[in-house]
Amino acid sequence: LRDGMDLDELDADLRGYKVVLGIYPQGRLDPSAAPMTFTFGVTDYPNVAPAFGLSQTYDALENYKLDFTEAGRFLSMKMEYPDYKTMSLSGIDVDLDLLGSR
């Protein structure tokens, strides 16, 4: 679980509302490996636990992008994988839309 993702390099206002539109995992999995599972969570307040949306699987053979529509001020990401020895993940690009702030 990665809680409180830092998006400073986007110059996004911390008070701003963010919508996760999709992710592009940069990973390799062995052909017989189980898929990776990604889930995004959002909250509007830092002391409130994030509400997670539906999980999606990434297998690196059939898809290169996962589509999401989770919105909030504070983002969290869960990545689950049963056997780290059959995969490598070098990064994740996140497609965001930045909306207004208060």
PDB file of N, CA and C in Angstrom:
ATOM      1  N   LEU A   1       0.855  -1.182   0.000  1.00  0.00           N
ATOM      2  CA  LEU A   1       0.000   0.000   0.000  1.00  0.00           C
ATOM      3  C   LEU A   1       0.888   1.227   0.000  1.00  0.00           C
ATOM      4  N   ARG A   2       0.710   2.077  -0.980  1.00  0.00           N
ATOM      5  CA  ARG A   2       1.422   3.351  -1.019  1.00  0.00           C
ATOM      6  C   ARG A   2       0.409   4.418  -0.711  1.00  0.00           C
ATOM      7  N   ASP A   3       0.528   5.034   0.435  1.00  0.00           N
ATOM      8  CA  ASP A   3      -0.453   5.991   0.916  1.00  0.00           C
ATOM      9  C   ASP A   3       0.131   7.394   0.812  1.00  0.00           C
ATOM     10  N   GLY A   4      -0.637   8.343   0.308  1.00  0.00           N
ATOM     11  CA  GLY A   4      -0.184   9.724   0.229  1.00  0.00           C
ATOM     12  C   GLY A   4       0.838   9.939  -0.863  1.00  0.00           C
ATOM     13  N   MET A   5       0.508   9.633  -2.104  1.00  0.00           N
ATOM     14  CA  MET A   5       1.440   9.772  -3.209  1.00  0.00           C
ATOM     15  C   MET A   5       1.880  11.223  -3.381  1.00  0.00           C
ATOM     16  N   ASP A   6       3.165  11.421  -3.570  1.00  0.00           N
ATOM     17  CA  ASP A   6       3.751  12.737  -3.745  1.00  0.00           C
ATOM     18  C   ASP A   6       3.734  13.099  -5.229  1.00  0.00           C
ATOM     19  N   LEU A   7       3.049  14.192  -5.578  1.00  0.00           N
ATOM     20  CA  LEU A   7       2.944  14.621  -6.975  1.00  0.00           C
ATOM     21  C   LEU A   7       3.585  15.989  -7.181  1.00  0.00           C
ATOM     22  N   ASP A   8       4.630  16.294  -6.418  1.00  0.00           N
ATOM     23  CA  ASP A   8       5.261  17.609  -6.478  1.00  0.00           C
ATOM     24  C   ASP A   8       5.784  17.961  -7.869  1.00  0.00           C
ATOM     25  N   GLU A   9       6.298  16.979  -8.599  1.00  0.00           N
ATOM     26  CA  GLU A   9       6.872  17.287  -9.906  1.00  0.00           C
ATOM     27  C   GLU A   9       5.823  17.747 -10.917  1.00  0.00           C
ATOM     28  N   LEU A  10       4.554  17.587 -10.616  1.00  0.00           N
ATOM     29  CA  LEU A  10       3.478  18.068 -11.487  1.00  0.00           C
ATOM     30  C   LEU A  10       3.126  19.524 -11.218  1.00  0.00           C
ATOM     31  N   ASP A  11       3.704  20.092 -10.174  1.00  0.00           N
ATOM     32  CA  ASP A  11       3.328  21.430  -9.717  1.00  0.00           C
ATOM     33  C   ASP A  11       1.831  21.507  -9.425  1.00  0.00           C
ATOM     34  N   ALA A  12       1.275  20.424  -8.930  1.00  0.00           N
ATOM     35  CA  ALA A  12      -0.152  20.371  -8.601  1.00  0.00           C
ATOM     36  C   ALA A  12      -0.379  20.977  -7.221  1.00  0.00           C
ATOM     37  N   ASP A  13      -1.326  21.867  -7.126  1.00  0.00           N
ATOM     38  CA  ASP A  13      -1.688  22.464  -5.845  1.00  0.00           C
ATOM     39  C   ASP A  13      -2.171  21.353  -4.912  1.00  0.00           C
ATOM     40  N   LEU A  14      -1.613  21.291  -3.722  1.00  0.00           N
ATOM     41  CA  LEU A  14      -2.007  20.237  -2.787  1.00  0.00           C
ATOM     42  C   LEU A  14      -3.487  20.285  -2.455  1.00  0.00           C
ATOM     43  N   ARG A  15      -4.089  21.468  -2.545  1.00  0.00           N
ATOM     44  CA  ARG A  15      -5.522  21.590  -2.266  1.00  0.00           C
ATOM     45  C   ARG A  15      -6.367  21.178  -3.470  1.00  0.00           C
ATOM     46  N   GLY A  16      -5.734  21.012  -4.612  1.00  0.00           N
ATOM     47  CA  GLY A  16      -6.456  20.709  -5.846  1.00  0.00           C
ATOM     48  C   GLY A  16      -7.047  19.316  -5.865  1.00  0.00           C
ATOM     49  N   TYR A  17      -8.100  19.165  -6.632  1.00  0.00           N
ATOM     50  CA  TYR A  17      -8.780  17.891  -6.807  1.00  0.00           C
ATOM     51  C   TYR A  17      -8.144  17.174  -7.985  1.00  0.00           C
ATOM     52  N   LYS A  18      -7.795  15.918  -7.799  1.00  0.00           N
ATOM     53  CA  LYS A  18      -7.127  15.137  -8.828  1.00  0.00           C
ATOM     54  C   LYS A  18      -8.015  13.969  -9.243  1.00  0.00           C
ATOM     55  N   VAL A  19      -8.021  13.671 -10.527  1.00  0.00           N
ATOM     56  CA  VAL A  19      -8.753  12.516 -11.047  1.00  0.00           C
ATOM     57  C   VAL A  19      -7.731  11.595 -11.711  1.00  0.00           C
ATOM     58  N   VAL A  20      -7.610  10.374 -11.203  1.00  0.00           N
ATOM     59  CA  VAL A  20      -6.738   9.376 -11.817  1.00  0.00           C
ATOM     60  C   VAL A  20      -7.491   8.804 -13.003  1.00  0.00           C
ATOM     61  N   LEU A  21      -6.951   9.017 -14.205  1.00  0.00           N
ATOM     62  CA  LEU A  21      -7.599   8.525 -15.426  1.00  0.00           C
ATOM     63  C   LEU A  21      -7.049   7.177 -15.871  1.00  0.00           C
ATOM     64  N   GLY A  22      -5.794   6.934 -15.567  1.00  0.00           N
ATOM     65  CA  GLY A  22      -5.197   5.664 -15.967  1.00  0.00           C
ATOM     66  C   GLY A  22      -3.757   5.577 -15.520  1.00  0.00           C
ATOM     67  N   ILE A  23      -3.211   4.370 -15.609  1.00  0.00           N
ATOM     68  CA  ILE A  23      -1.803   4.168 -15.307  1.00  0.00           C
ATOM     69  C   ILE A  23      -1.170   3.324 -16.403  1.00  0.00           C
ATOM     70  N   TYR A  24       0.133   3.524 -16.568  1.00  0.00           N
ATOM     71  CA  TYR A  24       0.940   2.767 -17.515  1.00  0.00           C
ATOM     72  C   TYR A  24       2.068   2.107 -16.735  1.00  0.00           C
ATOM     73  N   PRO A  25       1.870   0.893 -16.244  1.00  0.00           N
ATOM     74  CA  PRO A  25       2.937   0.214 -15.506  1.00  0.00           C
ATOM     75  C   PRO A  25       4.101  -0.117 -16.444  1.00  0.00           C
ATOM     76  N   GLN A  26       5.301   0.082 -15.974  1.00  0.00           N
ATOM     77  CA  GLN A  26       6.500  -0.275 -16.732  1.00  0.00           C
ATOM     78  C   GLN A  26       7.098  -1.491 -16.055  1.00  0.00           C
ATOM     79  N   GLY A  27       6.565  -2.641 -16.414  1.00  0.00           N
ATOM     80  CA  GLY A  27       6.980  -3.858 -15.736  1.00  0.00           C
ATOM     81  C   GLY A  27       7.102  -5.027 -16.683  1.00  0.00           C
ATOM     82  N   ARG A  28       7.845  -6.002 -16.239  1.00  0.00           N
ATOM     83  CA  ARG A  28       7.994  -7.255 -16.970  1.00  0.00           C
ATOM     84  C   ARG A  28       7.583  -8.394 -16.053  1.00  0.00           C
ATOM     85  N   LEU A  29       6.805  -9.296 -16.603  1.00  0.00           N
ATOM     86  CA  LEU A  29       6.404 -10.487 -15.867  1.00  0.00           C
ATOM     87  C   LEU A  29       6.782 -11.704 -16.690  1.00  0.00           C
ATOM     88  N   ASP A  30       7.186 -12.774 -16.028  1.00  0.00           N
ATOM     89  CA  ASP A  30       7.445 -14.022 -16.738  1.00  0.00           C
ATOM     90  C   ASP A  30       6.159 -14.460 -17.434  1.00  0.00           C
ATOM     91  N   PRO A  31       6.259 -15.134 -18.587  1.00  0.00           N
ATOM     92  CA  PRO A  31       5.043 -15.550 -19.304  1.00  0.00           C
ATOM     93  C   PRO A  31       4.063 -16.371 -18.469  1.00  0.00           C
ATOM     94  N   SER A  32       4.550 -17.143 -17.512  1.00  0.00           N
ATOM     95  CA  SER A  32       3.655 -17.971 -16.692  1.00  0.00           C
ATOM     96  C   SER A  32       3.269 -17.290 -15.376  1.00  0.00           C
ATOM     97  N   ALA A  33       3.685 -16.044 -15.201  1.00  0.00           N
ATOM     98  CA  ALA A  33       3.452 -15.353 -13.930  1.00  0.00           C
ATOM     99  C   ALA A  33       1.993 -14.948 -13.760  1.00  0.00           C
ATOM    100  N   ALA A  34       1.579 -14.835 -12.524  1.00  0.00           N
ATOM    101  CA  ALA A  34       0.247 -14.313 -12.203  1.00  0.00           C
ATOM    102  C   ALA A  34       0.215 -12.814 -12.505  1.00  0.00           C
ATOM    103  N   PRO A  35      -0.954 -12.265 -12.818  1.00  0.00           N
ATOM    104  CA  PRO A  35      -1.022 -10.824 -13.083  1.00  0.00           C
ATOM    105  C   PRO A  35      -0.864  -9.994 -11.804  1.00  0.00           C
ATOM    106  N   MET A  36      -0.429  -8.749 -11.989  1.00  0.00           N
ATOM    107  CA  MET A  36      -0.343  -7.791 -10.889  1.00  0.00           C
ATOM    108  C   MET A  36      -1.705  -7.140 -10.729  1.00  0.00           C
ATOM    109  N   THR A  37      -2.046  -6.762  -9.517  1.00  0.00           N
ATOM    110  CA  THR A  37      -3.318  -6.102  -9.252  1.00  0.00           C
ATOM    111  C   THR A  37      -3.057  -4.691  -8.741  1.00  0.00           C
ATOM    112  N   PHE A  38      -3.719  -3.712  -9.357  1.00  0.00           N
ATOM    113  CA  PHE A  38      -3.615  -2.312  -8.960  1.00  0.00           C
ATOM    114  C   PHE A  38      -4.982  -1.804  -8.514  1.00  0.00           C
ATOM    115  N   THR A  39      -4.986  -1.016  -7.448  1.00  0.00           N
ATOM    116  CA  THR A  39      -6.204  -0.395  -6.939  1.00  0.00           C
ATOM    117  C   THR A  39      -5.859   1.011  -6.477  1.00  0.00           C
ATOM    118  N   PHE A  40      -6.697   1.984  -6.822  1.00  0.00           N
ATOM    119  CA  PHE A  40      -6.497   3.357  -6.366  1.00  0.00           C
ATOM    120  C   PHE A  40      -7.519   3.719  -5.314  1.00  0.00           C
ATOM    121  N   GLY A  41      -7.066   4.472  -4.329  1.00  0.00           N
ATOM    122  CA  GLY A  41      -7.937   4.979  -3.280  1.00  0.00           C
ATOM    123  C   GLY A  41      -7.806   6.484  -3.201  1.00  0.00           C
ATOM    124  N   VAL A  42      -8.859   7.137  -2.773  1.00  0.00           N
ATOM    125  CA  VAL A  42      -8.859   8.598  -2.678  1.00  0.00           C
ATOM    126  C   VAL A  42      -9.561   9.044  -1.403  1.00  0.00           C
ATOM    127  N   THR A  43      -9.169  10.221  -0.943  1.00  0.00           N
ATOM    128  CA  THR A  43      -9.827  10.866   0.184  1.00  0.00           C
ATOM    129  C   THR A  43      -9.628  12.373   0.034  1.00  0.00           C
ATOM    130  N   ASP A  44     -10.469  13.139   0.668  1.00  0.00           N
ATOM    131  CA  ASP A  44     -10.340  14.592   0.616  1.00  0.00           C
ATOM    132  C   ASP A  44      -9.591  15.152   1.814  1.00  0.00           C
ATOM    133  N   TYR A  45      -9.339  14.310   2.820  1.00  0.00           N
ATOM    134  CA  TYR A  45      -8.698  14.765   4.051  1.00  0.00           C
ATOM    135  C   TYR A  45      -7.563  13.815   4.421  1.00  0.00           C
ATOM    136  N   PRO A  46      -6.426  14.354   4.846  1.00  0.00           N
ATOM    137  CA  PRO A  46      -5.267  13.486   5.109  1.00  0.00           C
ATOM    138  C   PRO A  46      -5.442  12.523   6.273  1.00  0.00           C
ATOM    139  N   ASN A  47      -6.336  12.803   7.203  1.00  0.00           N
ATOM    140  CA  ASN A  47      -6.531  11.915   8.348  1.00  0.00           C
ATOM    141  C   ASN A  47      -7.674  10.928   8.167  1.00  0.00           C
ATOM    142  N   VAL A  48      -8.251  10.894   6.977  1.00  0.00           N
ATOM    143  CA  VAL A  48      -9.349   9.970   6.673  1.00  0.00           C
ATOM    144  C   VAL A  48      -8.808   8.860   5.774  1.00  0.00           C
ATOM    145  N   ALA A  49      -9.098   7.631   6.129  1.00  0.00           N
ATOM    146  CA  ALA A  49      -8.643   6.492   5.322  1.00  0.00           C
ATOM    147  C   ALA A  49      -9.214   6.581   3.907  1.00  0.00           C
ATOM    148  N   PRO A  50      -8.428   6.242   2.898  1.00  0.00           N
ATOM    149  CA  PRO A  50      -8.924   6.329   1.520  1.00  0.00           C
ATOM    150  C   PRO A  50      -9.999   5.282   1.229  1.00  0.00           C
ATOM    151  N   ALA A  51     -10.916   5.656   0.355  1.00  0.00           N
ATOM    152  CA  ALA A  51     -11.919   4.719  -0.175  1.00  0.00           C
ATOM    153  C   ALA A  51     -11.347   4.162  -1.476  1.00  0.00           C
ATOM    154  N   PHE A  52     -11.192   2.844  -1.532  1.00  0.00           N
ATOM    155  CA  PHE A  52     -10.598   2.218  -2.708  1.00  0.00           C
ATOM    156  C   PHE A  52     -11.665   1.805  -3.710  1.00  0.00           C
ATOM    157  N   GLY A  53     -11.339   1.996  -4.990  1.00  0.00           N
ATOM    158  CA  GLY A  53     -12.218   1.587  -6.079  1.00  0.00           C
ATOM    159  C   GLY A  53     -11.991   0.118  -6.421  1.00  0.00           C
ATOM    160  N   LEU A  54     -12.423  -0.264  -7.596  1.00  0.00           N
ATOM    161  CA  LEU A  54     -12.277  -1.640  -8.059  1.00  0.00           C
ATOM    162  C   LEU A  54     -10.836  -1.928  -8.469  1.00  0.00           C
ATOM    163  N   SER A  55     -10.385  -3.140  -8.203  1.00  0.00           N
ATOM    164  CA  SER A  55      -9.042  -3.574  -8.600  1.00  0.00           C
ATOM    165  C   SER A  55      -9.022  -3.913 -10.077  1.00  0.00           C
ATOM    166  N   GLN A  56      -7.845  -3.733 -10.680  1.00  0.00           N
ATOM    167  CA  GLN A  56      -7.639  -4.123 -12.072  1.00  0.00           C
ATOM    168  C   GLN A  56      -6.337  -4.895 -12.168  1.00  0.00           C
ATOM    169  N   THR A  57      -6.288  -5.821 -13.108  1.00  0.00           N
ATOM    170  CA  THR A  57      -5.091  -6.643 -13.257  1.00  0.00           C
ATOM    171  C   THR A  57      -4.292  -6.226 -14.490  1.00  0.00           C
ATOM    172  N   TYR A  58      -2.983  -6.365 -14.341  1.00  0.00           N
ATOM    173  CA  TYR A  58      -2.022  -6.041 -15.398  1.00  0.00           C
ATOM    174  C   TYR A  58      -1.137  -7.261 -15.595  1.00  0.00           C
ATOM    175  N   ASP A  59      -1.027  -7.718 -16.841  1.00  0.00           N
ATOM    176  CA  ASP A  59      -0.219  -8.914 -17.077  1.00  0.00           C
ATOM    177  C   ASP A  59       0.965  -8.686 -18.018  1.00  0.00           C
ATOM    178  N   ALA A  60       1.123  -7.479 -18.577  1.00  0.00           N
ATOM    179  CA  ALA A  60       2.241  -7.104 -19.442  1.00  0.00           C
ATOM    180  C   ALA A  60       2.241  -7.811 -20.800  1.00  0.00           C
ATOM    181  N   LEU A  61       1.320  -8.723 -21.036  1.00  0.00           N
ATOM    182  CA  LEU A  61       1.223  -9.391 -22.330  1.00  0.00           C
ATOM    183  C   LEU A  61      -0.023  -8.952 -23.093  1.00  0.00           C
ATOM    184  N   GLU A  62      -1.100  -8.687 -22.378  1.00  0.00           N
ATOM    185  CA  GLU A  62      -2.371  -8.355 -23.001  1.00  0.00           C
ATOM    186  C   GLU A  62      -2.735  -6.881 -22.880  1.00  0.00           C
ATOM    187  N   ASN A  63      -2.114  -6.162 -21.951  1.00  0.00           N
ATOM    188  CA  ASN A  63      -2.459  -4.749 -21.795  1.00  0.00           C
ATOM    189  C   ASN A  63      -1.224  -3.939 -21.403  1.00  0.00           C
ATOM    190  N   TYR A  64      -1.251  -2.676 -21.736  1.00  0.00           N
ATOM    191  CA  TYR A  64      -0.155  -1.772 -21.393  1.00  0.00           C
ATOM    192  C   TYR A  64      -0.656  -0.619 -20.528  1.00  0.00           C
ATOM    193  N   LYS A  65      -1.982  -0.509 -20.381  1.00  0.00           N
ATOM    194  CA  LYS A  65      -2.605   0.589 -19.652  1.00  0.00           C
ATOM    195  C   LYS A  65      -3.800   0.061 -18.877  1.00  0.00           C
ATOM    196  N   LEU A  66      -4.050   0.656 -17.711  1.00  0.00           N
ATOM    197  CA  LEU A  66      -5.251   0.357 -16.937  1.00  0.00           C
ATOM    198  C   LEU A  66      -6.011   1.661 -16.747  1.00  0.00           C
ATOM    199  N   ASP A  67      -7.303   1.657 -17.024  1.00  0.00           N
ATOM    200  CA  ASP A  67      -8.133   2.850 -16.914  1.00  0.00           C
ATOM    201  C   ASP A  67      -8.805   2.920 -15.552  1.00  0.00           C
ATOM    202  N   PHE A  68      -8.741   4.102 -14.947  1.00  0.00           N
ATOM    203  CA  PHE A  68      -9.385   4.357 -13.661  1.00  0.00           C
ATOM    204  C   PHE A  68     -10.133   5.687 -13.742  1.00  0.00           C
ATOM    205  N   THR A  69     -11.060   5.912 -12.828  1.00  0.00           N
ATOM    206  CA  THR A  69     -11.706   7.216 -12.668  1.00  0.00           C
ATOM    207  C   THR A  69     -11.945   7.465 -11.188  1.00  0.00           C
ATOM    208  N   GLU A  70     -10.870   7.550 -10.436  1.00  0.00           N
ATOM    209  CA  GLU A  70     -10.943   7.818  -9.006  1.00  0.00           C
ATOM    210  C   GLU A  70     -10.566   9.281  -8.777  1.00  0.00           C
ATOM    211  N   ALA A  71     -11.338  10.006  -7.960  1.00  0.00           N
ATOM    212  CA  ALA A  71     -11.100  11.437  -7.769  1.00  0.00           C
ATOM    213  C   ALA A  71     -11.041  11.794  -6.292  1.00  0.00           C
ATOM    214  N   GLY A  72     -10.086  12.675  -5.953  1.00  0.00           N
ATOM    215  CA  GLY A  72      -9.951  13.173  -4.594  1.00  0.00           C
ATOM    216  C   GLY A  72      -8.721  14.045  -4.460  1.00  0.00           C
ATOM    217  N   ARG A  73      -8.529  14.605  -3.296  1.00  0.00           N
ATOM    218  CA  ARG A  73      -7.364  15.462  -3.055  1.00  0.00           C
ATOM    219  C   ARG A  73      -6.116  14.652  -2.717  1.00  0.00           C
ATOM    220  N   PHE A  74      -6.295  13.559  -1.990  1.00  0.00           N
ATOM    221  CA  PHE A  74      -5.178  12.720  -1.570  1.00  0.00           C
ATOM    222  C   PHE A  74      -5.351  11.341  -2.188  1.00  0.00           C
ATOM    223  N   LEU A  75      -4.305  10.854  -2.833  1.00  0.00           N
ATOM    224  CA  LEU A  75      -4.358   9.598  -3.574  1.00  0.00           C
ATOM    225  C   LEU A  75      -3.582   8.506  -2.854  1.00  0.00           C
ATOM    226  N   SER A  76      -4.046   7.288  -3.020  1.00  0.00           N
ATOM    227  CA  SER A  76      -3.348   6.101  -2.523  1.00  0.00           C
ATOM    228  C   SER A  76      -3.374   5.056  -3.619  1.00  0.00           C
ATOM    229  N   MET A  77      -2.361   4.208  -3.646  1.00  0.00           N
ATOM    230  CA  MET A  77      -2.306   3.139  -4.630  1.00  0.00           C
ATOM    231  C   MET A  77      -1.916   1.847  -3.938  1.00  0.00           C
ATOM    232  N   LYS A  78      -2.652   0.784  -4.267  1.00  0.00           N
ATOM    233  CA  LYS A  78      -2.335  -0.550  -3.783  1.00  0.00           C
ATOM    234  C   LYS A  78      -1.864  -1.367  -4.982  1.00  0.00           C
ATOM    235  N   MET A  79      -0.724  -2.013  -4.839  1.00  0.00           N
ATOM    236  CA  MET A  79      -0.237  -2.920  -5.869  1.00  0.00           C
ATOM    237  C   MET A  79      -0.008  -4.263  -5.181  1.00  0.00           C
ATOM    238  N   GLU A  80      -0.643  -5.294  -5.697  1.00  0.00           N
ATOM    239  CA  GLU A  80      -0.524  -6.618  -5.092  1.00  0.00           C
ATOM    240  C   GLU A  80       0.040  -7.600  -6.111  1.00  0.00           C
ATOM    241  N   TYR A  81       0.962  -8.419  -5.625  1.00  0.00           N
ATOM    242  CA  TYR A  81       1.567  -9.423  -6.492  1.00  0.00           C
ATOM    243  C   TYR A  81       2.029 -10.591  -5.631  1.00  0.00           C
ATOM    244  N   PRO A  82       1.686 -11.819  -6.015  1.00  0.00           N
ATOM    245  CA  PRO A  82       1.957 -12.962  -5.139  1.00  0.00           C
ATOM    246  C   PRO A  82       3.413 -13.428  -5.105  1.00  0.00           C
ATOM    247  N   ASP A  83       4.213 -13.145  -6.150  1.00  0.00           N
ATOM    248  CA  ASP A  83       5.570 -13.692  -6.200  1.00  0.00           C
ATOM    249  C   ASP A  83       6.506 -12.699  -6.872  1.00  0.00           C
ATOM    250  N   TYR A  84       7.209 -11.917  -6.076  1.00  0.00           N
ATOM    251  CA  TYR A  84       8.068 -10.868  -6.618  1.00  0.00           C
ATOM    252  C   TYR A  84       9.207 -11.414  -7.479  1.00  0.00           C
ATOM    253  N   LYS A  85       9.522 -12.698  -7.397  1.00  0.00           N
ATOM    254  CA  LYS A  85      10.639 -13.269  -8.150  1.00  0.00           C
ATOM    255  C   LYS A  85      10.333 -13.411  -9.637  1.00  0.00           C
ATOM    256  N   THR A  86       9.067 -13.344 -10.033  1.00  0.00           N
ATOM    257  CA  THR A  86       8.706 -13.531 -11.440  1.00  0.00           C
ATOM    258  C   THR A  86       8.331 -12.223 -12.120  1.00  0.00           C
ATOM    259  N   MET A  87       8.710 -11.090 -11.510  1.00  0.00           N
ATOM    260  CA  MET A  87       8.376  -9.799 -12.100  1.00  0.00           C
ATOM    261  C   MET A  87       9.429  -8.765 -11.783  1.00  0.00           C
ATOM    262  N   SER A  88       9.444  -7.705 -12.581  1.00  0.00           N
ATOM    263  CA  SER A  88      10.237  -6.516 -12.256  1.00  0.00           C
ATOM    264  C   SER A  88       9.405  -5.306 -12.648  1.00  0.00           C
ATOM    265  N   LEU A  89       9.387  -4.302 -11.794  1.00  0.00           N
ATOM    266  CA  LEU A  89       8.624  -3.085 -12.037  1.00  0.00           C
ATOM    267  C   LEU A  89       9.582  -1.909 -11.886  1.00  0.00           C
ATOM    268  N   SER A  90       9.813  -1.196 -12.994  1.00  0.00           N
ATOM    269  CA  SER A  90      10.766  -0.089 -12.955  1.00  0.00           C
ATOM    270  C   SER A  90      10.095   1.260 -12.766  1.00  0.00           C
ATOM    271  N   GLY A  91       8.781   1.335 -12.966  1.00  0.00           N
ATOM    272  CA  GLY A  91       8.081   2.598 -12.780  1.00  0.00           C
ATOM    273  C   GLY A  91       6.622   2.495 -13.179  1.00  0.00           C
ATOM    274  N   ILE A  92       5.895   3.564 -12.880  1.00  0.00           N
ATOM    275  CA  ILE A  92       4.484   3.652 -13.240  1.00  0.00           C
ATOM    276  C   ILE A  92       4.216   5.094 -13.654  1.00  0.00           C
ATOM    277  N   ASP A  93       3.694   5.282 -14.847  1.00  0.00           N
ATOM    278  CA  ASP A  93       3.246   6.604 -15.271  1.00  0.00           C
ATOM    279  C   ASP A  93       1.764   6.713 -14.958  1.00  0.00           C
ATOM    280  N   VAL A  94       1.364   7.860 -14.398  1.00  0.00           N
ATOM    281  CA  VAL A  94      -0.025   8.072 -14.000  1.00  0.00           C
ATOM    282  C   VAL A  94      -0.609   9.198 -14.844  1.00  0.00           C
ATOM    283  N   ASP A  95      -1.754   8.947 -15.454  1.00  0.00           N
ATOM    284  CA  ASP A  95      -2.475   9.943 -16.238  1.00  0.00           C
ATOM    285  C   ASP A  95      -3.494  10.598 -15.310  1.00  0.00           C
ATOM    286  N   LEU A  96      -3.285  11.897 -15.002  1.00  0.00           N
ATOM    287  CA  LEU A  96      -4.141  12.630 -14.074  1.00  0.00           C
ATOM    288  C   LEU A  96      -4.802  13.810 -14.750  1.00  0.00           C
ATOM    289  N   ASP A  97      -5.952  14.173 -14.251  1.00  0.00           N
ATOM    290  CA  ASP A  97      -6.604  15.430 -14.613  1.00  0.00           C
ATOM    291  C   ASP A  97      -6.655  16.252 -13.343  1.00  0.00           C
ATOM    292  N   LEU A  98      -6.199  17.495 -13.399  1.00  0.00           N
ATOM    293  CA  LEU A  98      -6.204  18.368 -12.227  1.00  0.00           C
ATOM    294  C   LEU A  98      -7.373  19.318 -12.330  1.00  0.00           C
ATOM    295  N   LEU A  99      -8.209  19.311 -11.300  1.00  0.00           N
ATOM    296  CA  LEU A  99      -9.386  20.162 -11.282  1.00  0.00           C
ATOM    297  C   LEU A  99      -9.165  21.290 -10.303  1.00  0.00           C
ATOM    298  N   GLY A 100     -10.158  22.116 -10.096  1.00  0.00           N
ATOM    299  CA  GLY A 100     -10.060  23.294  -9.237  1.00  0.00           C
ATOM    300  C   GLY A 100      -9.715  22.994  -7.801  1.00  0.00           C
ATOM    301  N   SER A 101      -9.415  24.057  -7.067  1.00  0.00           N
ATOM    302  CA  SER A 101      -9.086  23.927  -5.654  1.00  0.00           C
ATOM    303  C   SER A 101      -9.859  24.961  -4.858  1.00  0.00           C
ATOM    304  N   ARG A 102      -9.851  24.816  -3.537  1.00  0.00           N
ATOM    305  CA  ARG A 102     -10.525  25.761  -2.661  1.00  0.00           C
ATOM    306  C   ARG A 102      -9.519  26.674  -2.037  1.00  0.00           C
TER     307      ARG A 102
END
